[in-house]
C-alpha atoms as a PDB file:
ATOM      1  CA  MET A   1      -1.081 -16.103  16.797  1.00  0.00           C
ATOM      2  CA  THR A   2      -2.703 -13.160  18.569  1.00  0.00           C
ATOM      3  CA  ASP A   3      -3.594 -11.341  15.355  1.00  0.00           C
ATOM      4  CA  PRO A   4      -6.559 -12.536  13.256  1.00  0.00           C
ATOM      5  CA  TYR A   5      -5.795 -14.910  10.422  1.00  0.00           C
ATOM      6  CA  THR A   6      -6.449 -13.608   6.936  1.00  0.00           C
ATOM      7  CA  LEU A   7      -8.261 -15.982   4.583  1.00  0.00           C
ATOM      8  CA  VAL A   8      -8.602 -15.063   0.904  1.00  0.00           C
ATOM      9  CA  VAL A   9     -11.282 -16.795  -1.151  1.00  0.00           C
ATOM     10  CA  VAL A  10     -10.690 -16.771  -4.916  1.00  0.00           C
ATOM     11  CA  THR A  11     -13.771 -17.792  -6.876  1.00  0.00           C
ATOM     12  CA  ALA A  12     -14.194 -17.936 -10.640  1.00  0.00           C
ATOM     13  CA  GLY A  13     -17.918 -18.652 -10.760  1.00  0.00           C
ATOM     14  CA  ILE A  14     -19.829 -16.578 -13.301  1.00  0.00           C
ATOM     15  CA  GLY A  15     -23.425 -17.555 -12.531  1.00  0.00           C
ATOM     16  CA  ASP A  16     -25.808 -15.625 -10.310  1.00  0.00           C
ATOM     17  CA  PRO A  17     -26.182 -17.409  -8.020  1.00  0.00           C
ATOM     18  CA  SER A  18     -22.916 -19.256  -8.519  1.00  0.00           C
ATOM     19  CA  SER A  19     -22.517 -22.813  -7.261  1.00  0.00           C
ATOM     20  CA  THR A  20     -18.745 -22.242  -7.213  1.00  0.00           C
ATOM     21  CA  ARG A  21     -19.199 -19.219  -4.953  1.00  0.00           C
ATOM     22  CA  MET A  22     -21.599 -21.233  -2.761  1.00  0.00           C
ATOM     23  CA  LEU A  23     -19.018 -23.977  -2.243  1.00  0.00           C
ATOM     24  CA  ALA A  24     -16.265 -21.475  -1.512  1.00  0.00           C
ATOM     25  CA  ASP A  25     -18.473 -19.544   0.905  1.00  0.00           C
ATOM     26  CA  ARG A  26     -19.417 -22.737   2.723  1.00  0.00           C
ATOM     27  CA  ALA A  27     -15.760 -23.615   3.204  1.00  0.00           C
ATOM     28  CA  ALA A  28     -14.938 -20.067   4.308  1.00  0.00           C
ATOM     29  CA  GLN A  29     -17.751 -19.978   6.861  1.00  0.00           C
ATOM     30  CA  ARG A  30     -16.739 -23.328   8.328  1.00  0.00           C
ATOM     31  CA  THR A  31     -13.154 -22.087   8.509  1.00  0.00           C
ATOM     32  CA  ARG A  32     -14.330 -19.034  10.425  1.00  0.00           C
ATOM     33  CA  ASP A  33     -16.395 -21.216  12.778  1.00  0.00           C
ATOM     34  CA  LEU A  34     -13.558 -23.663  13.427  1.00  0.00           C
ATOM     35  CA  VAL A  35     -11.019 -20.924  14.134  1.00  0.00           C
ATOM     36  CA  ALA A  36     -13.478 -19.328  16.574  1.00  0.00           C
ATOM     37  CA  ARG A  37     -13.958 -22.627  18.412  1.00  0.00           C
ATOM     38  CA  ARG A  38     -10.185 -22.870  18.736  1.00  0.00           C
ATOM     39  CA  GLY A  39     -10.030 -19.418  20.318  1.00  0.00           C
ATOM     40  CA  GLY A  40      -8.951 -17.454  17.287  1.00  0.00           C
ATOM     41  CA  GLU A  41     -10.347 -15.098  14.701  1.00  0.00           C
ATOM     42  CA  VAL A  42     -10.201 -14.996  10.922  1.00  0.00           C
ATOM     43  CA  THR A  43     -11.035 -12.226   8.476  1.00  0.00           C
ATOM     44  CA  VAL A  44     -12.270 -13.329   5.071  1.00  0.00           C
ATOM     45  CA  GLN A  45     -11.720 -11.437   1.837  1.00  0.00           C
ATOM     46  CA  VAL A  46     -13.357 -12.629  -1.374  1.00  0.00           C
ATOM     47  CA  VAL A  47     -11.714 -12.147  -4.770  1.00  0.00           C
ATOM     48  CA  ASP A  48     -14.515 -12.553  -7.318  1.00  0.00           C
ATOM     49  CA  LEU A  49     -12.732 -13.097 -10.620  1.00  0.00           C
ATOM     50  CA  ARG A  50     -15.892 -12.330 -12.579  1.00  0.00           C
ATOM     51  CA  GLU A  51     -15.367  -8.699 -11.583  1.00  0.00           C
ATOM     52  CA  LEU A  52     -11.699  -8.779 -12.650  1.00  0.00           C
ATOM     53  CA  ALA A  53     -12.067 -10.469 -16.047  1.00  0.00           C
ATOM     54  CA  ALA A  54     -11.147  -7.404 -18.099  1.00  0.00           C
ATOM     55  CA  GLU A  55      -8.111  -6.575 -15.968  1.00  0.00           C
ATOM     56  CA  VAL A  56      -6.889 -10.182 -16.000  1.00  0.00           C
ATOM     57  CA  THR A  57      -7.089 -10.167 -19.815  1.00  0.00           C
ATOM     58  CA  THR A  58      -5.202  -6.870 -19.988  1.00  0.00           C
ATOM     59  CA  ALA A  59      -2.511  -8.218 -17.669  1.00  0.00           C
ATOM     60  CA  LEU A  60      -2.063 -11.249 -19.929  1.00  0.00           C
ATOM     61  CA  THR A  61      -1.974  -9.364 -23.204  1.00  0.00           C
ATOM     62  CA  ALA A  62      -0.399  -6.029 -22.282  1.00  0.00           C
ATOM     63  CA  ASN A  63       1.452  -6.825 -19.046  1.00  0.00           C
ATOM     64  CA  HIS A  64      -0.481  -4.048 -17.302  1.00  0.00           C
ATOM     65  CA  VAL A  65      -1.970  -4.652 -13.838  1.00  0.00           C
ATOM     66  CA  GLY A  66      -5.062  -2.581 -13.136  1.00  0.00           C
ATOM     67  CA  ASP A  67      -5.952  -1.175  -9.743  1.00  0.00           C
ATOM     68  CA  ARG A  68      -8.526  -3.803  -8.767  1.00  0.00           C
ATOM     69  CA  LEU A  69      -6.297  -6.660  -9.893  1.00  0.00           C
ATOM     70  CA  ARG A  70      -3.400  -5.160  -7.954  1.00  0.00           C
ATOM     71  CA  LEU A  71      -5.505  -5.061  -4.781  1.00  0.00           C
ATOM     72  CA  ALA A  72      -6.447  -8.716  -5.269  1.00  0.00           C
ATOM     73  CA  ILE A  73      -2.800  -9.675  -5.695  1.00  0.00           C
ATOM     74  CA  GLU A  74      -1.816  -7.716  -2.598  1.00  0.00           C
ATOM     75  CA  ALA A  75      -4.538  -9.494  -0.619  1.00  0.00           C
ATOM     76  CA  LEU A  76      -3.123 -12.864  -1.645  1.00  0.00           C
ATOM     77  CA  GLY A  77       0.329 -11.719  -0.618  1.00  0.00           C
ATOM     78  CA  ARG A  78      -0.960 -10.998   2.902  1.00  0.00           C
ATOM     79  CA  ALA A  79      -3.081 -14.149   3.179  1.00  0.00           C
ATOM     80  CA  ASP A  80      -2.468 -16.791   5.826  1.00  0.00           C
ATOM     81  CA  GLY A  81      -4.636 -19.213   3.873  1.00  0.00           C
ATOM     82  CA  VAL A  82      -6.414 -19.448   0.516  1.00  0.00           C
ATOM     83  CA  ILE A  83      -9.521 -21.165  -0.786  1.00  0.00           C
ATOM     84  CA  ALA A  84      -9.389 -21.368  -4.590  1.00  0.00           C
ATOM     85  CA  ALA A  85     -12.591 -22.409  -6.345  1.00  0.00           C
ATOM     86  CA  THR A  86     -13.366 -22.782 -10.032  1.00  0.00           C
ATOM     87  CA  PRO A  87     -16.132 -24.111 -12.245  1.00  0.00           C
ATOM     88  CA  VAL A  88     -15.087 -26.890 -14.604  1.00  0.00           C
ATOM     89  CA  TYR A  89     -15.764 -26.630 -18.323  1.00  0.00           C
ATOM     90  CA  LYS A  90     -14.918 -29.399 -20.791  1.00  0.00           C
ATOM     91  CA  ALA A  91     -12.760 -31.293 -18.273  1.00  0.00           C
ATOM     92  CA  ALA A  92     -10.661 -28.246 -17.361  1.00  0.00           C
ATOM     93  CA  PRO A  93     -10.752 -25.344 -14.888  1.00  0.00           C
ATOM     94  CA  SER A  94     -12.221 -22.144 -16.271  1.00  0.00           C
ATOM     95  CA  GLY A  95      -9.941 -20.039 -18.436  1.00  0.00           C
ATOM     96  CA  LEU A  96     -10.525 -17.042 -16.170  1.00  0.00           C
ATOM     97  CA  PHE A  97      -9.343 -18.998 -13.131  1.00  0.00           C
ATOM     98  CA  SER A  98      -6.220 -20.290 -14.868  1.00  0.00           C
ATOM     99  CA  SER A  99      -5.412 -16.891 -16.364  1.00  0.00           C
ATOM    100  CA  PHE A 100      -5.617 -15.162 -12.983  1.00  0.00           C
ATOM    101  CA  PHE A 101      -3.081 -17.471 -11.388  1.00  0.00           C
ATOM    102  CA  GLN A 102      -0.872 -17.280 -14.470  1.00  0.00           C
ATOM    103  CA  VAL A 103      -0.469 -13.515 -14.088  1.00  0.00           C
ATOM    104  CA  LEU A 104       0.644 -13.772 -10.461  1.00  0.00           C
ATOM    105  CA  ASP A 105       4.302 -13.430  -9.491  1.00  0.00           C
ATOM    106  CA  ASN A 106       5.794 -16.900  -9.294  1.00  0.00           C
ATOM    107  CA  ASP A 107       6.893 -16.337  -5.706  1.00  0.00           C
ATOM    108  CA  LEU A 108       3.709 -14.750  -4.337  1.00  0.00           C
ATOM    109  CA  LEU A 109       2.194 -17.903  -2.826  1.00  0.00           C
ATOM    110  CA  ILE A 110       5.244 -19.882  -1.712  1.00  0.00           C
ATOM    111  CA  GLY A 111       4.340 -22.021   1.290  1.00  0.00           C
ATOM    112  CA  LYS A 112       0.794 -20.668   1.658  1.00  0.00           C
ATOM    113  CA  PRO A 113      -1.889 -23.206   2.674  1.00  0.00           C
ATOM    114  CA  VAL A 114      -4.536 -23.684  -0.023  1.00  0.00           C
ATOM    115  CA  VAL A 115      -7.785 -25.627  -0.265  1.00  0.00           C
ATOM    116  CA  LEU A 116      -8.711 -26.431  -3.858  1.00  0.00           C
ATOM    117  CA  ALA A 117     -12.372 -26.599  -4.870  1.00  0.00           C
ATOM    118  CA  ALA A 118     -14.367 -27.057  -8.056  1.00  0.00           C
ATOM    119  CA  THR A 119     -17.934 -27.430  -9.239  1.00  0.00           C
ATOM    120  CA  ALA A 120     -19.344 -28.929 -12.412  1.00  0.00           C
ATOM    121  CA  GLY A 121     -22.571 -30.055 -14.013  1.00  0.00           C
ATOM    122  CA  THR A 122     -21.550 -33.685 -13.897  1.00  0.00           C
ATOM    123  CA  ALA A 123     -19.481 -35.945 -11.666  1.00  0.00           C
ATOM    124  CA  ARG A 124     -17.435 -36.888 -14.747  1.00  0.00           C
ATOM    125  CA  HIS A 125     -15.305 -33.821 -13.984  1.00  0.00           C
ATOM    126  CA  SER A 126     -14.517 -34.818 -10.402  1.00  0.00           C
ATOM    127  CA  LEU A 127     -10.847 -35.604 -11.065  1.00  0.00           C
ATOM    128  CA  VAL A 128     -10.043 -32.187 -12.519  1.00  0.00           C
ATOM    129  CA  VAL A 129      -9.128 -30.781  -9.102  1.00  0.00           C
ATOM    130  CA  ASP A 130      -6.512 -33.396  -8.346  1.00  0.00           C
ATOM    131  CA  GLU A 131      -5.269 -33.940 -11.896  1.00  0.00           C
ATOM    132  CA  GLN A 132      -4.997 -30.309 -13.024  1.00  0.00           C
ATOM    133  CA  LEU A 133      -5.291 -27.842 -10.171  1.00  0.00           C
ATOM    134  CA  ARG A 134      -2.743 -29.583  -7.952  1.00  0.00           C
ATOM    135  CA  SER A 135      -0.103 -29.322 -10.658  1.00  0.00           C
ATOM    136  CA  LEU A 136      -0.759 -25.587 -11.102  1.00  0.00           C
ATOM    137  CA  PHE A 137      -0.516 -24.896  -7.381  1.00  0.00           C
ATOM    138  CA  GLY A 138       2.466 -27.211  -7.093  1.00  0.00           C
ATOM    139  CA  PHE A 139       4.256 -25.003  -9.629  1.00  0.00           C
ATOM    140  CA  LEU A 140       3.359 -21.981  -7.496  1.00  0.00           C
ATOM    141  CA  ARG A 141       4.922 -23.845  -4.536  1.00  0.00           C
ATOM    142  CA  THR A 142       1.872 -23.611  -2.308  1.00  0.00           C
ATOM    143  CA  LEU A 143       1.036 -26.027   0.496  1.00  0.00           C
ATOM    144  CA  VAL A 144      -2.111 -27.703  -0.819  1.00  0.00           C
ATOM    145  CA  ALA A 145      -4.392 -29.362   1.735  1.00  0.00           C
ATOM    146  CA  PRO A 146      -4.695 -33.138   1.220  1.00  0.00           C
ATOM    147  CA  THR A 147      -8.489 -32.944   0.920  1.00  0.00           C
ATOM    148  CA  SER A 148      -9.887 -31.203  -2.155  1.00  0.00           C
ATOM    149  CA  LEU A 149     -13.516 -30.266  -2.712  1.00  0.00           C
ATOM    150  CA  PHE A 150     -15.786 -31.033  -5.645  1.00  0.00           C
ATOM    151  CA  ALA A 151     -19.526 -30.648  -6.041  1.00  0.00           C
ATOM    152  CA  ALA A 152     -21.770 -31.815  -8.864  1.00  0.00           C
ATOM    153  CA  PRO A 153     -25.545 -31.117  -8.688  1.00  0.00           C
ATOM    154  CA  GLU A 154     -26.272 -34.352  -6.829  1.00  0.00           C
ATOM    155  CA  ASP A 155     -23.653 -33.605  -4.168  1.00  0.00           C
ATOM    156  CA  TRP A 156     -25.404 -30.614  -2.609  1.00  0.00           C
ATOM    157  CA  ALA A 157     -27.941 -32.818  -0.803  1.00  0.00           C
ATOM    158  CA  ASP A 158     -25.347 -35.417   0.176  1.00  0.00           C
ATOM    159  CA  PRO A 159     -24.103 -35.172   3.805  1.00  0.00           C
ATOM    160  CA  GLY A 160     -20.763 -36.423   2.522  1.00  0.00           C
ATOM    161  CA  LEU A 161     -20.062 -32.993   0.994  1.00  0.00           C
ATOM    162  CA  ASN A 162     -20.161 -31.318   4.399  1.00  0.00           C
ATOM    163  CA  LYS A 163     -17.884 -33.992   5.805  1.00  0.00           C
ATOM    164  CA  ARG A 164     -15.335 -33.306   3.077  1.00  0.00           C
ATOM    165  CA  VAL A 165     -15.621 -29.571   3.650  1.00  0.00           C
ATOM    166  CA  ASP A 166     -15.033 -30.013   7.383  1.00  0.00           C
ATOM    167  CA  ARG A 167     -12.027 -32.240   6.735  1.00  0.00           C
ATOM    168  CA  ALA A 168     -10.494 -29.788   4.260  1.00  0.00           C
ATOM    169  CA  VAL A 169     -11.147 -26.867   6.603  1.00  0.00           C
ATOM    170  CA  LEU A 170      -9.454 -28.608   9.526  1.00  0.00           C
ATOM    171  CA  GLU A 171      -6.404 -29.283   7.370  1.00  0.00           C
ATOM    172  CA  LEU A 172      -6.338 -25.637   6.274  1.00  0.00           C
ATOM    173  CA  VAL A 173      -6.627 -24.316   9.823  1.00  0.00           C
ATOM    174  CA  LEU A 174      -3.897 -26.618  11.123  1.00  0.00           C
ATOM    175  CA  LEU A 175      -1.607 -25.490   8.311  1.00  0.00           C
ATOM    176  CA  MET A 176      -2.337 -21.827   9.049  1.00  0.00           C
ATOM    177  CA  GLU A 177      -1.695 -22.377  12.753  1.00  0.00           C
ATOM    178  CA  SER A 178       1.685 -23.902  11.956  1.00  0.00           C
ATOM    179  CA  GLY A 179       2.912 -20.587  10.517  1.00  0.00           C
ATOM    180  CA  PHE A 180       4.772 -22.529   7.828  1.00  0.00           C
ATOM    181  CA  ALA A 181       4.570 -19.850   5.122  1.00  0.00           C
ATOM    182  CA  ARG A 182       5.731 -17.119   7.497  1.00  0.00           C
ATOM    183  CA  GLN A 183       8.672 -19.203   8.701  1.00  0.00           C
ATOM    184  CA  VAL A 184       9.692 -19.962   5.130  1.00  0.00           C
ATOM    185  CA  ARG A 185       9.840 -16.259   4.341  1.00  0.00           C
ATOM    186  CA  ASP A 186      11.672 -15.427   7.564  1.00  0.00           C
ATOM    187  CA  GLU A 187      14.180 -18.269   7.598  1.00  0.00           C
ATOM    188  CA  SER A 188      14.738 -19.766   4.151  1.00  0.00           C
ATOM    189  CA  TRP A 189      13.524 -17.293   1.521  1.00  0.00           C
ATOM    190  CA  HIS A 190      17.048 -16.910   0.171  1.00  0.00           C
ATOM    191  CA  SER A 191      17.280 -20.631  -0.574  1.00  0.00           C
ATOM    192  CA  TYR A 192      14.590 -20.478  -3.292  1.00  0.00           C
ATOM    193  CA  GLN A 193      15.436 -19.757  -6.883  1.00  0.00           C
ATOM    194  CA  HIS A 194      13.723 -16.450  -7.639  1.00  0.00           C
ATOM    195  CA  GLU A 195      13.185 -14.904 -11.044  1.00  0.00           C
ATOM    196  CA  PHE A 196      14.065 -11.231 -11.343  1.00  0.00           C
ATOM    197  CA  GLY A 197      10.922  -9.187 -10.834  1.00  0.00           C
ATOM    198  CA  SER A 198       8.866 -12.078  -9.493  1.00  0.00           C
ATOM    199  CA  ALA A 199       9.774 -11.981  -5.829  1.00  0.00           C
ATOM    200  CA  GLY A 200       8.055  -8.794  -4.784  1.00  0.00           C
ATOM    201  CA  GLY A 201      11.333  -6.963  -4.305  1.00  0.00           C
ATOM    202  CA  THR A 202      12.997  -9.695  -2.270  1.00  0.00           C
ATOM    203  CA  GLU A 203      15.256 -10.611  -5.179  1.00  0.00           C
ATOM    204  CA  LEU A 204      17.308  -7.454  -4.631  1.00  0.00           C
ATOM    205  CA  SER A 205      20.444  -9.445  -3.915  1.00  0.00           C
ATOM    206  CA  ILE A 206      20.865  -9.683  -7.697  1.00  0.00           C
ATOM    207  CA  ASP A 207      23.766  -7.491  -8.772  1.00  0.00           C
ATOM    208  CA  LEU A 208      22.269  -5.180 -11.390  1.00  0.00           C
ATOM    209  CA  ASN A 209      25.618  -3.515 -12.018  1.00  0.00           C
ATOM    210  CA  SER A 210      27.407  -6.604 -13.256  1.00  0.00           C
ATOM    211  CA  ASP A 211      28.664  -6.725 -16.839  1.00  0.00           C
ATOM    212  CA  MET A 212      26.221  -9.549 -17.615  1.00  0.00           C
ATOM    213  CA  MET A 213      23.193  -7.578 -16.382  1.00  0.00           C
ATOM    214  CA  ARG A 214      24.275  -4.489 -18.350  1.00  0.00           C
ATOM    215  CA  LEU A 215      24.465  -6.552 -21.532  1.00  0.00           C
ATOM    216  CA  ALA A 216      21.117  -8.235 -20.821  1.00  0.00           C
ATOM    217  CA  ALA A 217      19.513  -4.785 -20.468  1.00  0.00           C
ATOM    218  CA  GLY A 218      20.934  -3.662 -23.828  1.00  0.00           C
ATOM    219  CA  GLY A 219      23.765  -1.600 -22.388  1.00  0.00           C
ATOM    220  CA  THR A 220      27.461  -1.740 -22.976  1.00  0.00           C
ATOM    221  CA  VAL A 221      30.375  -2.988 -20.936  1.00  0.00           C
ATOM    222  CA  PRO A 222      33.056  -0.389 -20.238  1.00  0.00           C
ATOM    223  CA  ASP A 223      36.515  -1.080 -21.698  1.00  0.00           C
END
């Protein structure tokens, strides 16, 4: 690619400073460094869910997408790669993190490379990323990097954390370089089962004038 890659970092940390944001930023910076060493360029955009909490709640309860949430969704739609990071509470990703991805169009992230990351106060939560986040992003049909990231307090001084970050970043960069998500959209988008209204306008092959669609919309079928 001659154009810069676009990397979107989604972080659900609520602390200040936030260990979740620190882990996501570390992965983003190492992604930027690796792409530069390989002769490329990457722009990074951060979606801080703490700032979108009210709009995410409104989208869930009233099906209304506010301006800032809409911009975040549009950024994900343009992304070549995603780093998604959440704190873990009571053996589960944060409700804010889960709610954000639940309000997204089902087709928004098809084929996009994603690195999953989580932080927690204890290593007892270390399996949450692979046991819970992978299933969520599998439903969204993303291309999740094999290496996931997790950091408990004792991990920050462990050189092994940086090794895992570097491994995950390399996987992410290789997936972005492959152009897989772009090729899926260009060559096989029609082969996916899309829900009406969830494909960003690409589901327009649906015949809205059929008798079945008129009945579903509360209309009548002409005699």
